[in-house]
Amino acid sequence: MSDLSKPLYSLTVGEYIDLSKKAFAQEAKKLLVNNDGILGKSNSNRDIIFVEEVQQLTGYKKSTIYSKVCRFEMPVISKRRPLTFSRTDILNWLKDGKPSVIDQEAKDYLSKT
């Protein structure tokens, strides 16, 4: 009997973990395959990027990126694992001379009032 034919509440912990891993692997593979069907190649049309691509764009080490995100010095979409960034925001941040994100948010807030 396969795991898919059993209700979730009847699975053992091990079966549930295996099922979760399989589901996660399938979804991750879908996300990693770009429009051409090629796995692992970056698609420049994608706006959501991860730490490795930010490293390529900025030339920073991974530890520097984490540090800048923690100090609100770099734009980030999600601070959870994995860190996610907007390619557009990072490129604009680089063009603007790497201003502090918190300073920009303060200016935006003050201009509204």
C-alpha atoms as a PDB file:
ATOM      1  CA  MET A   1       0.000   0.000   0.000  1.00  0.00           C
ATOM      2  CA  SER A   2       1.508   3.328  -1.007  1.00  0.00           C
ATOM      3  CA  ASP A   3       1.700   6.343   1.289  1.00  0.00           C
ATOM      4  CA  LEU A   4      -0.639   8.338  -0.954  1.00  0.00           C
ATOM      5  CA  SER A   5      -3.538   5.926  -0.472  1.00  0.00           C
ATOM      6  CA  LYS A   6      -3.383   6.190   3.340  1.00  0.00           C
ATOM      7  CA  PRO A   7      -4.872   9.130   5.215  1.00  0.00           C
ATOM      8  CA  LEU A   8      -2.228  11.416   6.726  1.00  0.00           C
ATOM      9  CA  TYR A   9      -3.325  10.727  10.281  1.00  0.00           C
ATOM     10  CA  SER A  10      -2.610   6.996   9.839  1.00  0.00           C
ATOM     11  CA  LEU A  11       1.008   7.436   8.700  1.00  0.00           C
ATOM     12  CA  THR A  12       3.856   6.640  11.028  1.00  0.00           C
ATOM     13  CA  VAL A  13       6.341   9.406  11.755  1.00  0.00           C
ATOM     14  CA  GLY A  14       8.857   7.796   9.400  1.00  0.00           C
ATOM     15  CA  GLU A  15       6.310   7.471   6.580  1.00  0.00           C
ATOM     16  CA  TYR A  16       5.238  11.087   7.066  1.00  0.00           C
ATOM     17  CA  ILE A  17       8.849  12.302   6.955  1.00  0.00           C
ATOM     18  CA  ASP A  18       9.520  10.305   3.772  1.00  0.00           C
ATOM     19  CA  LEU A  19       6.344  11.635   2.166  1.00  0.00           C
ATOM     20  CA  SER A  20       7.259  15.199   3.139  1.00  0.00           C
ATOM     21  CA  LYS A  21      10.756  14.804   1.698  1.00  0.00           C
ATOM     22  CA  LYS A  22       9.364  13.467  -1.576  1.00  0.00           C
ATOM     23  CA  ALA A  23       6.839  16.310  -1.828  1.00  0.00           C
ATOM     24  CA  PHE A  24       9.502  18.911  -1.007  1.00  0.00           C
ATOM     25  CA  ALA A  25      11.905  17.434  -3.586  1.00  0.00           C
ATOM     26  CA  GLN A  26       9.210  17.542  -6.274  1.00  0.00           C
ATOM     27  CA  GLU A  27       8.334  21.164  -5.523  1.00  0.00           C
ATOM     28  CA  ALA A  28      11.993  22.206  -5.308  1.00  0.00           C
ATOM     29  CA  LYS A  29      12.682  20.589  -8.669  1.00  0.00           C
ATOM     30  CA  LYS A  30       9.768  22.510 -10.214  1.00  0.00           C
ATOM     31  CA  LEU A  31      11.158  25.771  -8.843  1.00  0.00           C
ATOM     32  CA  LEU A  32      14.687  25.067 -10.048  1.00  0.00           C
ATOM     33  CA  VAL A  33      13.721  24.152 -13.595  1.00  0.00           C
ATOM     34  CA  ASN A  34      13.575  27.279 -15.707  1.00  0.00           C
ATOM     35  CA  ASN A  35      11.434  27.843 -18.784  1.00  0.00           C
ATOM     36  CA  ASP A  36      13.849  25.942 -21.025  1.00  0.00           C
ATOM     37  CA  GLY A  37      13.621  22.859 -18.845  1.00  0.00           C
ATOM     38  CA  ILE A  38      17.263  23.151 -17.813  1.00  0.00           C
ATOM     39  CA  LEU A  39      18.008  22.422 -14.187  1.00  0.00           C
ATOM     40  CA  GLY A  40      20.399  24.658 -12.290  1.00  0.00           C
ATOM     41  CA  LYS A  41      20.909  27.446 -14.828  1.00  0.00           C
ATOM     42  CA  SER A  42      19.922  30.863 -13.628  1.00  0.00           C
ATOM     43  CA  ASN A  43      17.193  32.662 -15.503  1.00  0.00           C
ATOM     44  CA  SER A  44      17.890  36.373 -15.780  1.00  0.00           C
ATOM     45  CA  ASN A  45      14.147  37.037 -16.142  1.00  0.00           C
ATOM     46  CA  ARG A  46      13.543  35.785 -12.605  1.00  0.00           C
ATOM     47  CA  ASP A  47      13.276  38.528 -10.031  1.00  0.00           C
ATOM     48  CA  ILE A  48      13.530  36.339  -6.922  1.00  0.00           C
ATOM     49  CA  ILE A  49      17.148  35.402  -6.230  1.00  0.00           C
ATOM     50  CA  PHE A  50      19.080  33.753  -3.425  1.00  0.00           C
ATOM     51  CA  VAL A  51      22.361  34.384  -1.598  1.00  0.00           C
ATOM     52  CA  GLU A  52      24.562  32.752  -4.260  1.00  0.00           C
ATOM     53  CA  GLU A  53      23.226  35.048  -6.979  1.00  0.00           C
ATOM     54  CA  VAL A  54      23.558  38.094  -4.711  1.00  0.00           C
ATOM     55  CA  GLN A  55      27.192  37.069  -4.199  1.00  0.00           C
ATOM     56  CA  GLN A  56      27.686  37.103  -7.973  1.00  0.00           C
ATOM     57  CA  LEU A  57      25.986  40.491  -8.378  1.00  0.00           C
ATOM     58  CA  THR A  58      27.736  42.247  -5.496  1.00  0.00           C
ATOM     59  CA  GLY A  59      31.020  40.399  -5.110  1.00  0.00           C
ATOM     60  CA  TYR A  60      30.383  40.093  -1.361  1.00  0.00           C
ATOM     61  CA  LYS A  61      31.104  36.993   0.697  1.00  0.00           C
ATOM     62  CA  LYS A  62      28.107  35.117   2.063  1.00  0.00           C
ATOM     63  CA  SER A  63      28.970  36.231   5.615  1.00  0.00           C
ATOM     64  CA  THR A  64      29.022  39.885   4.496  1.00  0.00           C
ATOM     65  CA  ILE A  65      25.591  39.526   2.910  1.00  0.00           C
ATOM     66  CA  TYR A  66      24.145  38.008   6.098  1.00  0.00           C
ATOM     67  CA  SER A  67      25.730  40.791   8.126  1.00  0.00           C
ATOM     68  CA  LYS A  68      24.342  43.549   5.898  1.00  0.00           C
ATOM     69  CA  VAL A  69      20.871  42.013   5.968  1.00  0.00           C
ATOM     70  CA  CYS A  70      20.939  41.845   9.788  1.00  0.00           C
ATOM     71  CA  ARG A  71      21.973  45.509  10.002  1.00  0.00           C
ATOM     72  CA  PHE A  72      19.293  46.606   7.485  1.00  0.00           C
ATOM     73  CA  GLU A  73      21.978  47.734   5.041  1.00  0.00           C
ATOM     74  CA  MET A  74      20.770  45.610   2.130  1.00  0.00           C
ATOM     75  CA  PRO A  75      17.271  45.113   0.679  1.00  0.00           C
ATOM     76  CA  VAL A  76      15.846  41.656   1.314  1.00  0.00           C
ATOM     77  CA  ILE A  77      12.438  40.079   0.734  1.00  0.00           C
ATOM     78  CA  SER A  78      12.574  37.330   3.347  1.00  0.00           C
ATOM     79  CA  LYS A  79      15.018  37.012   6.232  1.00  0.00           C
ATOM     80  CA  ARG A  80      14.040  33.402   6.825  1.00  0.00           C
ATOM     81  CA  ARG A  81      15.898  30.476   5.377  1.00  0.00           C
ATOM     82  CA  PRO A  82      16.626  30.671   2.567  1.00  0.00           C
ATOM     83  CA  LEU A  83      17.206  34.398   2.320  1.00  0.00           C
ATOM     84  CA  THR A  84      15.366  35.725  -0.701  1.00  0.00           C
ATOM     85  CA  PHE A  85      16.120  38.918  -2.560  1.00  0.00           C
ATOM     86  CA  SER A  86      14.663  40.846  -5.468  1.00  0.00           C
ATOM     87  CA  ARG A  87      17.125  41.108  -8.350  1.00  0.00           C
ATOM     88  CA  THR A  88      15.637  44.486  -9.251  1.00  0.00           C
ATOM     89  CA  ASP A  89      15.991  45.803  -5.689  1.00  0.00           C
ATOM     90  CA  ILE A  90      19.610  44.624  -5.443  1.00  0.00           C
ATOM     91  CA  LEU A  91      20.537  46.202  -8.786  1.00  0.00           C
ATOM     92  CA  ASN A  92      18.824  49.475  -7.823  1.00  0.00           C
ATOM     93  CA  TRP A  93      20.567  49.358  -4.436  1.00  0.00           C
ATOM     94  CA  LEU A  94      23.921  48.990  -6.182  1.00  0.00           C
ATOM     95  CA  LYS A  95      23.123  51.833  -8.611  1.00  0.00           C
ATOM     96  CA  ASP A  96      22.080  54.121  -5.738  1.00  0.00           C
ATOM     97  CA  GLY A  97      25.439  53.677  -4.030  1.00  0.00           C
ATOM     98  CA  LYS A  98      24.371  51.024  -1.466  1.00  0.00           C
ATOM     99  CA  PRO A  99      22.289  53.220   0.848  1.00  0.00           C
ATOM    100  CA  SER A 100      21.054  51.808   4.135  1.00  0.00           C
ATOM    101  CA  VAL A 101      17.606  50.285   3.743  1.00  0.00           C
ATOM    102  CA  ILE A 102      16.385  51.637   7.062  1.00  0.00           C
ATOM    103  CA  ASP A 103      17.368  55.191   6.018  1.00  0.00           C
ATOM    104  CA  GLN A 104      15.377  54.824   2.793  1.00  0.00           C
ATOM    105  CA  GLU A 105      12.329  53.519   4.671  1.00  0.00           C
ATOM    106  CA  ALA A 106      12.561  56.476   7.057  1.00  0.00           C
ATOM    107  CA  LYS A 107      12.726  58.938   4.140  1.00  0.00           C
ATOM    108  CA  ASP A 108       9.716  57.279   2.512  1.00  0.00           C
ATOM    109  CA  TYR A 109       7.770  57.446   5.762  1.00  0.00           C
ATOM    110  CA  LEU A 110       8.637  61.087   6.388  1.00  0.00           C
ATOM    111  CA  SER A 111       7.721  62.108   2.840  1.00  0.00           C
ATOM    112  CA  LYS A 112       4.220  60.628   3.331  1.00  0.00           C
ATOM    113  CA  THR A 113       3.476  62.702   6.434  1.00  0.00           C
END
